Amino acid sequence: MPRTSSSDDDLRASLEARRHLGPEYEDSLVEGFLEKMDQEIDKRVDDRLAARARKESPAVRPSVDAGQRLALAIISLALGVPGTIAVSYSGLGDSLLGFVLVLMWVGVIGVNVTFTAGRRQG
């Protein structure tokens, strides 16, 4: 285990306390120092395990995200194509027909783009 300034400071403080208190307190000083080092080792092990767990588990489950995108695409087509056919046979004038179709498909595309952009940010 590499020594840190914290462990160096603790060791120096324990040695200084031993000089001031005398050898009769040596056992308790050593025990206190070892307890601090034990806590430091436990903290480092916990940090390494947490880092390993973060590295091994993906932050986003791609299967869920991909499934949601596929479902949205299927629903968009399932509603958009029959909607296009229905509007085409509705008897609207040519200029109004074109406007309604463009508006409908811009809405479908807008929903898909918004969903995809929102998933990338979150």
C-alpha atoms as a PDB file:
ATOM      1  CA  MET A   1       0.000   0.000   0.000  1.00  0.00           C
ATOM      2  CA  PRO A   2       1.521   3.333  -1.015  1.00  0.00           C
ATOM      3  CA  ARG A   3       1.839   5.774   1.812  1.00  0.00           C
ATOM      4  CA  THR A   4      -0.142   8.963   1.634  1.00  0.00           C
ATOM      5  CA  SER A   5       0.398  12.251   3.383  1.00  0.00           C
ATOM      6  CA  SER A   6      -2.522  11.359   5.662  1.00  0.00           C
ATOM      7  CA  SER A   7      -0.903   8.118   6.817  1.00  0.00           C
ATOM      8  CA  ASP A   8       2.459   9.897   7.158  1.00  0.00           C
ATOM      9  CA  ASP A   9       0.812  12.594   9.288  1.00  0.00           C
ATOM     10  CA  ASP A  10      -0.908   9.964  11.467  1.00  0.00           C
ATOM     11  CA  LEU A  11       2.374   8.133  11.977  1.00  0.00           C
ATOM     12  CA  ARG A  12       4.213  11.333  12.888  1.00  0.00           C
ATOM     13  CA  ALA A  13       1.432  12.322  15.292  1.00  0.00           C
ATOM     14  CA  SER A  14       1.560   8.904  16.978  1.00  0.00           C
ATOM     15  CA  LEU A  15       5.337   9.102  17.373  1.00  0.00           C
ATOM     16  CA  GLU A  16       5.126  12.632  18.733  1.00  0.00           C
ATOM     17  CA  ALA A  17       2.400  11.595  21.182  1.00  0.00           C
ATOM     18  CA  ARG A  18       4.579   8.679  22.352  1.00  0.00           C
ATOM     19  CA  ARG A  19       7.464  11.071  23.022  1.00  0.00           C
ATOM     20  CA  HIS A  20       5.224  13.322  25.116  1.00  0.00           C
ATOM     21  CA  LEU A  21       3.240  10.611  26.912  1.00  0.00           C
ATOM     22  CA  GLY A  22       5.998   8.086  27.427  1.00  0.00           C
ATOM     23  CA  PRO A  23       6.307   4.338  26.769  1.00  0.00           C
ATOM     24  CA  GLU A  24       3.402   3.388  29.070  1.00  0.00           C
ATOM     25  CA  TYR A  25       0.919   4.681  26.423  1.00  0.00           C
ATOM     26  CA  GLU A  26       2.729   3.016  23.520  1.00  0.00           C
ATOM     27  CA  ASP A  27       0.282   0.086  23.192  1.00  0.00           C
ATOM     28  CA  SER A  28      -2.783   2.324  22.985  1.00  0.00           C
ATOM     29  CA  LEU A  29      -1.052   4.678  20.533  1.00  0.00           C
ATOM     30  CA  VAL A  30      -0.027   1.791  18.258  1.00  0.00           C
ATOM     31  CA  GLU A  31      -3.526   0.315  18.496  1.00  0.00           C
ATOM     32  CA  GLY A  32      -5.072   3.677  17.533  1.00  0.00           C
ATOM     33  CA  PHE A  33      -2.682   4.085  14.616  1.00  0.00           C
ATOM     34  CA  LEU A  34      -3.386   0.561  13.357  1.00  0.00           C
ATOM     35  CA  GLU A  35      -7.128   1.162  13.632  1.00  0.00           C
ATOM     36  CA  LYS A  36      -6.804   4.280  11.466  1.00  0.00           C
ATOM     37  CA  MET A  37      -4.763   2.347   8.911  1.00  0.00           C
ATOM     38  CA  ASP A  38      -7.355  -0.443   8.919  1.00  0.00           C
ATOM     39  CA  GLN A  39     -10.073   2.107   8.171  1.00  0.00           C
ATOM     40  CA  GLU A  40      -7.959   3.570   5.368  1.00  0.00           C
ATOM     41  CA  ILE A  41      -7.454   0.123   3.827  1.00  0.00           C
ATOM     42  CA  ASP A  42     -11.189  -0.608   4.060  1.00  0.00           C
ATOM     43  CA  LYS A  43     -11.954   2.710   2.349  1.00  0.00           C
ATOM     44  CA  ARG A  44      -9.525   1.969  -0.488  1.00  0.00           C
ATOM     45  CA  VAL A  45     -10.950  -1.507  -1.007  1.00  0.00           C
ATOM     46  CA  ASP A  46     -14.493  -0.094  -1.067  1.00  0.00           C
ATOM     47  CA  ASP A  47     -13.426   2.558  -3.601  1.00  0.00           C
ATOM     48  CA  ARG A  48     -11.827  -0.069  -5.850  1.00  0.00           C
ATOM     49  CA  LEU A  49     -14.872  -2.344  -5.661  1.00  0.00           C
ATOM     50  CA  ALA A  50     -17.181   0.569  -6.480  1.00  0.00           C
ATOM     51  CA  ALA A  51     -14.992   1.564  -9.446  1.00  0.00           C
ATOM     52  CA  ARG A  52     -14.968  -2.009 -10.719  1.00  0.00           C
ATOM     53  CA  ALA A  53     -18.746  -2.263 -10.364  1.00  0.00           C
ATOM     54  CA  ARG A  54     -19.211   0.978 -12.329  1.00  0.00           C
ATOM     55  CA  LYS A  55     -16.891  -0.286 -15.052  1.00  0.00           C
ATOM     56  CA  GLU A  56     -18.575  -3.695 -15.342  1.00  0.00           C
ATOM     57  CA  SER A  57     -22.205  -2.553 -15.334  1.00  0.00           C
ATOM     58  CA  PRO A  58     -23.312  -0.409 -18.273  1.00  0.00           C
ATOM     59  CA  ALA A  59     -24.826   2.959 -17.417  1.00  0.00           C
ATOM     60  CA  VAL A  60     -27.666   2.506 -19.936  1.00  0.00           C
ATOM     61  CA  ARG A  61     -29.366  -0.730 -20.797  1.00  0.00           C
ATOM     62  CA  PRO A  62     -29.206  -0.637 -24.603  1.00  0.00           C
ATOM     63  CA  SER A  63     -31.787  -3.388 -25.047  1.00  0.00           C
ATOM     64  CA  VAL A  64     -34.504  -1.323 -23.340  1.00  0.00           C
ATOM     65  CA  ASP A  65     -33.590   1.838 -25.232  1.00  0.00           C
ATOM     66  CA  ALA A  66     -33.453   0.009 -28.569  1.00  0.00           C
ATOM     67  CA  GLY A  67     -36.785  -1.688 -27.840  1.00  0.00           C
ATOM     68  CA  GLN A  68     -38.453   1.636 -27.097  1.00  0.00           C
ATOM     69  CA  ARG A  69     -37.124   3.179 -30.308  1.00  0.00           C
ATOM     70  CA  LEU A  70     -38.355   0.180 -32.316  1.00  0.00           C
ATOM     71  CA  ALA A  71     -41.796   0.350 -30.688  1.00  0.00           C
ATOM     72  CA  LEU A  72     -42.079   4.076 -31.462  1.00  0.00           C
ATOM     73  CA  ALA A  73     -41.041   3.491 -35.079  1.00  0.00           C
ATOM     74  CA  ILE A  74     -43.621   0.716 -35.506  1.00  0.00           C
ATOM     75  CA  ILE A  75     -46.390   2.796 -33.947  1.00  0.00           C
ATOM     76  CA  SER A  76     -45.411   5.816 -36.068  1.00  0.00           C
ATOM     77  CA  LEU A  77     -45.661   3.793 -39.265  1.00  0.00           C
ATOM     78  CA  ALA A  78     -48.780   1.944 -38.140  1.00  0.00           C
ATOM     79  CA  LEU A  79     -50.563   5.276 -37.619  1.00  0.00           C
ATOM     80  CA  GLY A  80     -48.849   7.339 -40.326  1.00  0.00           C
ATOM     81  CA  VAL A  81     -49.409   5.078 -43.346  1.00  0.00           C
ATOM     82  CA  PRO A  82     -53.130   4.444 -42.746  1.00  0.00           C
ATOM     83  CA  GLY A  83     -53.513   8.140 -41.900  1.00  0.00           C
ATOM     84  CA  THR A  84     -51.927   9.052 -45.210  1.00  0.00           C
ATOM     85  CA  ILE A  85     -54.249   6.714 -47.079  1.00  0.00           C
ATOM     86  CA  ALA A  86     -57.305   8.040 -45.231  1.00  0.00           C
ATOM     87  CA  VAL A  87     -56.403  11.682 -45.890  1.00  0.00           C
ATOM     88  CA  SER A  88     -55.638  10.895 -49.547  1.00  0.00           C
ATOM     89  CA  TYR A  89     -59.129   9.437 -50.084  1.00  0.00           C
ATOM     90  CA  SER A  90     -60.923  12.084 -48.038  1.00  0.00           C
ATOM     91  CA  GLY A  91     -61.711  14.280 -51.038  1.00  0.00           C
ATOM     92  CA  LEU A  92     -59.809  17.323 -49.842  1.00  0.00           C
ATOM     93  CA  GLY A  93     -58.580  19.726 -52.496  1.00  0.00           C
ATOM     94  CA  ASP A  94     -55.032  19.294 -53.805  1.00  0.00           C
ATOM     95  CA  SER A  95     -53.546  22.226 -51.903  1.00  0.00           C
ATOM     96  CA  LEU A  96     -55.259  21.330 -48.628  1.00  0.00           C
ATOM     97  CA  LEU A  97     -54.436  17.636 -49.088  1.00  0.00           C
ATOM     98  CA  GLY A  98     -50.734  18.382 -49.462  1.00  0.00           C
ATOM     99  CA  PHE A  99     -50.766  20.660 -46.415  1.00  0.00           C
ATOM    100  CA  VAL A 100     -52.507  18.065 -44.225  1.00  0.00           C
ATOM    101  CA  LEU A 101     -50.124  15.281 -45.313  1.00  0.00           C
ATOM    102  CA  VAL A 102     -47.025  17.411 -44.705  1.00  0.00           C
ATOM    103  CA  LEU A 103     -48.369  18.539 -41.331  1.00  0.00           C
ATOM    104  CA  MET A 104     -49.155  14.949 -40.307  1.00  0.00           C
ATOM    105  CA  TRP A 105     -45.723  13.585 -41.261  1.00  0.00           C
ATOM    106  CA  VAL A 106     -43.881  16.538 -39.706  1.00  0.00           C
ATOM    107  CA  GLY A 107     -45.723  15.684 -36.485  1.00  0.00           C
ATOM    108  CA  VAL A 108     -44.720  12.008 -36.699  1.00  0.00           C
ATOM    109  CA  ILE A 109     -41.104  12.904 -37.432  1.00  0.00           C
ATOM    110  CA  GLY A 110     -41.121  15.528 -34.671  1.00  0.00           C
ATOM    111  CA  VAL A 111     -42.264  12.992 -32.084  1.00  0.00           C
ATOM    112  CA  ASN A 112     -39.535  10.552 -33.152  1.00  0.00           C
ATOM    113  CA  VAL A 113     -36.799  13.221 -33.139  1.00  0.00           C
ATOM    114  CA  THR A 114     -37.903  14.546 -29.758  1.00  0.00           C
ATOM    115  CA  PHE A 115     -37.892  11.044 -28.269  1.00  0.00           C
ATOM    116  CA  THR A 116     -34.449  10.244 -29.674  1.00  0.00           C
ATOM    117  CA  ALA A 117     -32.937  13.567 -28.570  1.00  0.00           C
ATOM    118  CA  GLY A 118     -34.420  13.178 -25.079  1.00  0.00           C
ATOM    119  CA  ARG A 119     -32.994   9.666 -24.678  1.00  0.00           C
ATOM    120  CA  ARG A 120     -29.491  10.820 -25.657  1.00  0.00           C
ATOM    121  CA  GLN A 121     -29.477  13.626 -23.085  1.00  0.00           C
ATOM    122  CA  GLY A 122     -30.824  11.520 -20.170  1.00  0.00           C
END
